[in-house]
Amino acid sequence: MCGLPGAGKTTLAMRLEREIPAMRMCPDERLANEGFSRFDEEARARIERRQ
């Protein structure tokens, strides 16, 4: 899913995650949970490959 910031993508994804059920994969959340900066390009690349 893609769109402009504030368009409701995350809100919709969280709702679908509960209702379908579905798995929501968010690189920014994973980076934060693992203690990396959102701007750490190497860490982001590793996470995006896994996802």
PDB file of N, CA and C in Angstrom:
ATOM      1  N   MET A   1       0.854  -1.155   0.000  1.00  0.00           N
ATOM      2  CA  MET A   1       0.000   0.000   0.000  1.00  0.00           C
ATOM      3  C   MET A   1       0.905   1.224   0.000  1.00  0.00           C
ATOM      4  N   CYS A   2       0.552   2.225  -0.746  1.00  0.00           N
ATOM      5  CA  CYS A   2       1.339   3.452  -0.747  1.00  0.00           C
ATOM      6  C   CYS A   2       0.399   4.640  -0.857  1.00  0.00           C
ATOM      7  N   GLY A   3       0.885   5.795  -0.457  1.00  0.00           N
ATOM      8  CA  GLY A   3       0.085   7.012  -0.527  1.00  0.00           C
ATOM      9  C   GLY A   3       0.777   8.130   0.225  1.00  0.00           C
ATOM     10  N   LEU A   4       0.172   9.274   0.205  1.00  0.00           N
ATOM     11  CA  LEU A   4       0.738  10.453   0.849  1.00  0.00           C
ATOM     12  C   LEU A   4       0.723  10.311   2.366  1.00  0.00           C
ATOM     13  N   PRO A   5       1.633  11.014   3.058  1.00  0.00           N
ATOM     14  CA  PRO A   5       1.609  10.995   4.517  1.00  0.00           C
ATOM     15  C   PRO A   5       0.264  11.510   5.033  1.00  0.00           C
ATOM     16  N   GLY A   6      -0.258  10.840   6.046  1.00  0.00           N
ATOM     17  CA  GLY A   6      -1.519  11.275   6.648  1.00  0.00           C
ATOM     18  C   GLY A   6      -2.765  10.848   5.895  1.00  0.00           C
ATOM     19  N   ALA A   7      -2.607  10.005   4.869  1.00  0.00           N
ATOM     20  CA  ALA A   7      -3.753   9.591   4.059  1.00  0.00           C
ATOM     21  C   ALA A   7      -4.573   8.481   4.719  1.00  0.00           C
ATOM     22  N   GLY A   8      -4.034   7.868   5.792  1.00  0.00           N
ATOM     23  CA  GLY A   8      -4.767   6.820   6.483  1.00  0.00           C
ATOM     24  C   GLY A   8      -4.289   5.409   6.184  1.00  0.00           C
ATOM     25  N   LYS A   9      -3.114   5.271   5.582  1.00  0.00           N
ATOM     26  CA  LYS A   9      -2.594   3.938   5.229  1.00  0.00           C
ATOM     27  C   LYS A   9      -2.401   3.060   6.458  1.00  0.00           C
ATOM     28  N   THR A  10      -1.756   3.595   7.473  1.00  0.00           N
ATOM     29  CA  THR A  10      -1.492   2.805   8.676  1.00  0.00           C
ATOM     30  C   THR A  10      -2.786   2.472   9.390  1.00  0.00           C
ATOM     31  N   THR A  11      -3.688   3.418   9.482  1.00  0.00           N
ATOM     32  CA  THR A  11      -4.980   3.179  10.124  1.00  0.00           C
ATOM     33  C   THR A  11      -5.724   2.051   9.425  1.00  0.00           C
ATOM     34  N   LEU A  12      -5.769   2.082   8.106  1.00  0.00           N
ATOM     35  CA  LEU A  12      -6.426   1.031   7.341  1.00  0.00           C
ATOM     36  C   LEU A  12      -5.705  -0.296   7.515  1.00  0.00           C
ATOM     37  N   ALA A  13      -4.376  -0.279   7.451  1.00  0.00           N
ATOM     38  CA  ALA A  13      -3.604  -1.510   7.595  1.00  0.00           C
ATOM     39  C   ALA A  13      -3.837  -2.140   8.963  1.00  0.00           C
ATOM     40  N   MET A  14      -3.906  -1.332  10.012  1.00  0.00           N
ATOM     41  CA  MET A  14      -4.145  -1.863  11.356  1.00  0.00           C
ATOM     42  C   MET A  14      -5.551  -2.475  11.465  1.00  0.00           C
ATOM     43  N   ARG A  15      -6.512  -1.844  10.828  1.00  0.00           N
ATOM     44  CA  ARG A  15      -7.876  -2.390  10.834  1.00  0.00           C
ATOM     45  C   ARG A  15      -7.924  -3.716  10.088  1.00  0.00           C
ATOM     46  N   LEU A  16      -7.293  -3.769   8.909  1.00  0.00           N
ATOM     47  CA  LEU A  16      -7.284  -5.004   8.126  1.00  0.00           C
ATOM     48  C   LEU A  16      -6.557  -6.118   8.865  1.00  0.00           C
ATOM     49  N   GLU A  17      -5.494  -5.762   9.588  1.00  0.00           N
ATOM     50  CA  GLU A  17      -4.729  -6.739  10.362  1.00  0.00           C
ATOM     51  C   GLU A  17      -5.639  -7.448  11.377  1.00  0.00           C
ATOM     52  N   ARG A  18      -6.555  -6.700  11.975  1.00  0.00           N
ATOM     53  CA  ARG A  18      -7.486  -7.274  12.954  1.00  0.00           C
ATOM     54  C   ARG A  18      -8.615  -8.045  12.287  1.00  0.00           C
ATOM     55  N   GLU A  19      -9.133  -7.531  11.190  1.00  0.00           N
ATOM     56  CA  GLU A  19     -10.364  -8.067  10.606  1.00  0.00           C
ATOM     57  C   GLU A  19     -10.165  -9.275   9.701  1.00  0.00           C
ATOM     58  N   ILE A  20      -9.057  -9.371   8.988  1.00  0.00           N
ATOM     59  CA  ILE A  20      -8.940 -10.399   7.943  1.00  0.00           C
ATOM     60  C   ILE A  20      -8.618 -11.788   8.482  1.00  0.00           C
ATOM     61  N   PRO A  21      -7.742 -12.175   9.256  1.00  0.00           N
ATOM     62  CA  PRO A  21      -6.563 -11.505   9.786  1.00  0.00           C
ATOM     63  C   PRO A  21      -5.472 -11.377   8.724  1.00  0.00           C
ATOM     64  N   ALA A  22      -4.635 -10.399   8.932  1.00  0.00           N
ATOM     65  CA  ALA A  22      -3.530 -10.131   8.002  1.00  0.00           C
ATOM     66  C   ALA A  22      -2.285  -9.805   8.811  1.00  0.00           C
ATOM     67  N   MET A  23      -1.158  -9.802   8.160  1.00  0.00           N
ATOM     68  CA  MET A  23       0.093  -9.426   8.806  1.00  0.00           C
ATOM     69  C   MET A  23       0.533  -8.086   8.235  1.00  0.00           C
ATOM     70  N   ARG A  24       0.811  -7.155   9.118  1.00  0.00           N
ATOM     71  CA  ARG A  24       1.250  -5.824   8.713  1.00  0.00           C
ATOM     72  C   ARG A  24       2.761  -5.760   8.891  1.00  0.00           C
ATOM     73  N   MET A  25       3.472  -5.415   7.821  1.00  0.00           N
ATOM     74  CA  MET A  25       4.929  -5.315   7.882  1.00  0.00           C
ATOM     75  C   MET A  25       5.332  -3.869   7.640  1.00  0.00           C
ATOM     76  N   CYS A  26       5.870  -3.228   8.671  1.00  0.00           N
ATOM     77  CA  CYS A  26       6.245  -1.820   8.596  1.00  0.00           C
ATOM     78  C   CYS A  26       7.730  -1.676   8.942  1.00  0.00           C
ATOM     79  N   PRO A  27       8.573  -1.408   7.949  1.00  0.00           N
ATOM     80  CA  PRO A  27      10.004  -1.279   8.214  1.00  0.00           C
ATOM     81  C   PRO A  27      10.330  -0.238   9.284  1.00  0.00           C
ATOM     82  N   ASP A  28       9.613   0.884   9.306  1.00  0.00           N
ATOM     83  CA  ASP A  28       9.900   1.924  10.300  1.00  0.00           C
ATOM     84  C   ASP A  28       9.668   1.410  11.717  1.00  0.00           C
ATOM     85  N   GLU A  29       8.582   0.687  11.940  1.00  0.00           N
ATOM     86  CA  GLU A  29       8.304   0.135  13.271  1.00  0.00           C
ATOM     87  C   GLU A  29       9.349  -0.899  13.654  1.00  0.00           C
ATOM     88  N   ARG A  30       9.732  -1.736  12.708  1.00  0.00           N
ATOM     89  CA  ARG A  30      10.732  -2.769  12.991  1.00  0.00           C
ATOM     90  C   ARG A  30      12.072  -2.133  13.340  1.00  0.00           C
ATOM     91  N   LEU A  31      12.473  -1.084  12.607  1.00  0.00           N
ATOM     92  CA  LEU A  31      13.710  -0.375  12.912  1.00  0.00           C
ATOM     93  C   LEU A  31      13.671   0.165  14.343  1.00  0.00           C
ATOM     94  N   ALA A  32      12.576   0.804  14.709  1.00  0.00           N
ATOM     95  CA  ALA A  32      12.447   1.375  16.052  1.00  0.00           C
ATOM     96  C   ALA A  32      12.490   0.281  17.112  1.00  0.00           C
ATOM     97  N   ASN A  33      11.786  -0.827  16.876  1.00  0.00           N
ATOM     98  CA  ASN A  33      11.749  -1.919  17.843  1.00  0.00           C
ATOM     99  C   ASN A  33      13.124  -2.550  18.046  1.00  0.00           C
ATOM    100  N   GLU A  34      13.948  -2.520  17.016  1.00  0.00           N
ATOM    101  CA  GLU A  34      15.281  -3.116  17.108  1.00  0.00           C
ATOM    102  C   GLU A  34      16.356  -2.086  17.481  1.00  0.00           C
ATOM    103  N   GLY A  35      15.935  -0.845  17.760  1.00  0.00           N
ATOM    104  CA  GLY A  35      16.862   0.175  18.245  1.00  0.00           C
ATOM    105  C   GLY A  35      17.656   0.898  17.176  1.00  0.00           C
ATOM    106  N   PHE A  36      17.207   0.871  15.927  1.00  0.00           N
ATOM    107  CA  PHE A  36      17.907   1.560  14.844  1.00  0.00           C
ATOM    108  C   PHE A  36      17.197   2.869  14.508  1.00  0.00           C
ATOM    109  N   SER A  37      17.932   3.777  13.912  1.00  0.00           N
ATOM    110  CA  SER A  37      17.366   5.015  13.399  1.00  0.00           C
ATOM    111  C   SER A  37      16.591   4.705  12.119  1.00  0.00           C
ATOM    112  N   ARG A  38      15.523   5.465  11.864  1.00  0.00           N
ATOM    113  CA  ARG A  38      14.786   5.309  10.597  1.00  0.00           C
ATOM    114  C   ARG A  38      15.679   5.577   9.402  1.00  0.00           C
ATOM    115  N   PHE A  39      16.764   6.290   9.635  1.00  0.00           N
ATOM    116  CA  PHE A  39      17.635   6.714   8.541  1.00  0.00           C
ATOM    117  C   PHE A  39      18.864   5.828   8.381  1.00  0.00           C
ATOM    118  N   ASP A  40      18.933   4.730   9.129  1.00  0.00           N
ATOM    119  CA  ASP A  40      20.048   3.782   9.012  1.00  0.00           C
ATOM    120  C   ASP A  40      19.790   2.935   7.762  1.00  0.00           C
ATOM    121  N   GLU A  41      20.435   3.305   6.665  1.00  0.00           N
ATOM    122  CA  GLU A  41      20.164   2.673   5.371  1.00  0.00           C
ATOM    123  C   GLU A  41      20.525   1.192   5.352  1.00  0.00           C
ATOM    124  N   GLU A  42      21.613   0.831   6.019  1.00  0.00           N
ATOM    125  CA  GLU A  42      22.033  -0.568   6.037  1.00  0.00           C
ATOM    126  C   GLU A  42      21.020  -1.433   6.799  1.00  0.00           C
ATOM    127  N   ALA A  43      20.592  -0.955   7.956  1.00  0.00           N
ATOM    128  CA  ALA A  43      19.603  -1.699   8.746  1.00  0.00           C
ATOM    129  C   ALA A  43      18.280  -1.791   7.987  1.00  0.00           C
ATOM    130  N   ARG A  44      17.871  -0.695   7.348  1.00  0.00           N
ATOM    131  CA  ARG A  44      16.614  -0.694   6.585  1.00  0.00           C
ATOM    132  C   ARG A  44      16.681  -1.713   5.455  1.00  0.00           C
ATOM    133  N   ALA A  45      17.798  -1.753   4.756  1.00  0.00           N
ATOM    134  CA  ALA A  45      17.945  -2.696   3.640  1.00  0.00           C
ATOM    135  C   ALA A  45      17.824  -4.140   4.145  1.00  0.00           C
ATOM    136  N   ARG A  46      18.449  -4.460   5.283  1.00  0.00           N
ATOM    137  CA  ARG A  46      18.356  -5.818   5.846  1.00  0.00           C
ATOM    138  C   ARG A  46      16.912  -6.165   6.196  1.00  0.00           C
ATOM    139  N   ILE A  47      16.223  -5.231   6.846  1.00  0.00           N
ATOM    140  CA  ILE A  47      14.839  -5.481   7.251  1.00  0.00           C
ATOM    141  C   ILE A  47      13.944  -5.630   6.035  1.00  0.00           C
ATOM    142  N   GLU A  48      14.102  -4.766   5.053  1.00  0.00           N
ATOM    143  CA  GLU A  48      13.254  -4.854   3.855  1.00  0.00           C
ATOM    144  C   GLU A  48      13.507  -6.133   3.082  1.00  0.00           C
ATOM    145  N   ARG A  49      14.739  -6.637   3.066  1.00  0.00           N
ATOM    146  CA  ARG A  49      15.004  -7.933   2.409  1.00  0.00           C
ATOM    147  C   ARG A  49      14.260  -9.050   3.133  1.00  0.00           C
ATOM    148  N   ARG A  50      14.282  -9.024   4.460  1.00  0.00           N
ATOM    149  CA  ARG A  50      13.581 -10.050   5.243  1.00  0.00           C
ATOM    150  C   ARG A  50      12.072  -9.989   5.046  1.00  0.00           C
ATOM    151  N   GLN A  51      11.555  -8.783   4.958  1.00  0.00           N
ATOM    152  CA  GLN A  51      10.109  -8.641   4.812  1.00  0.00           C
ATOM    153  C   GLN A  51       9.680  -8.971   3.400  1.00  0.00           C
TER     154      GLN A  51
END
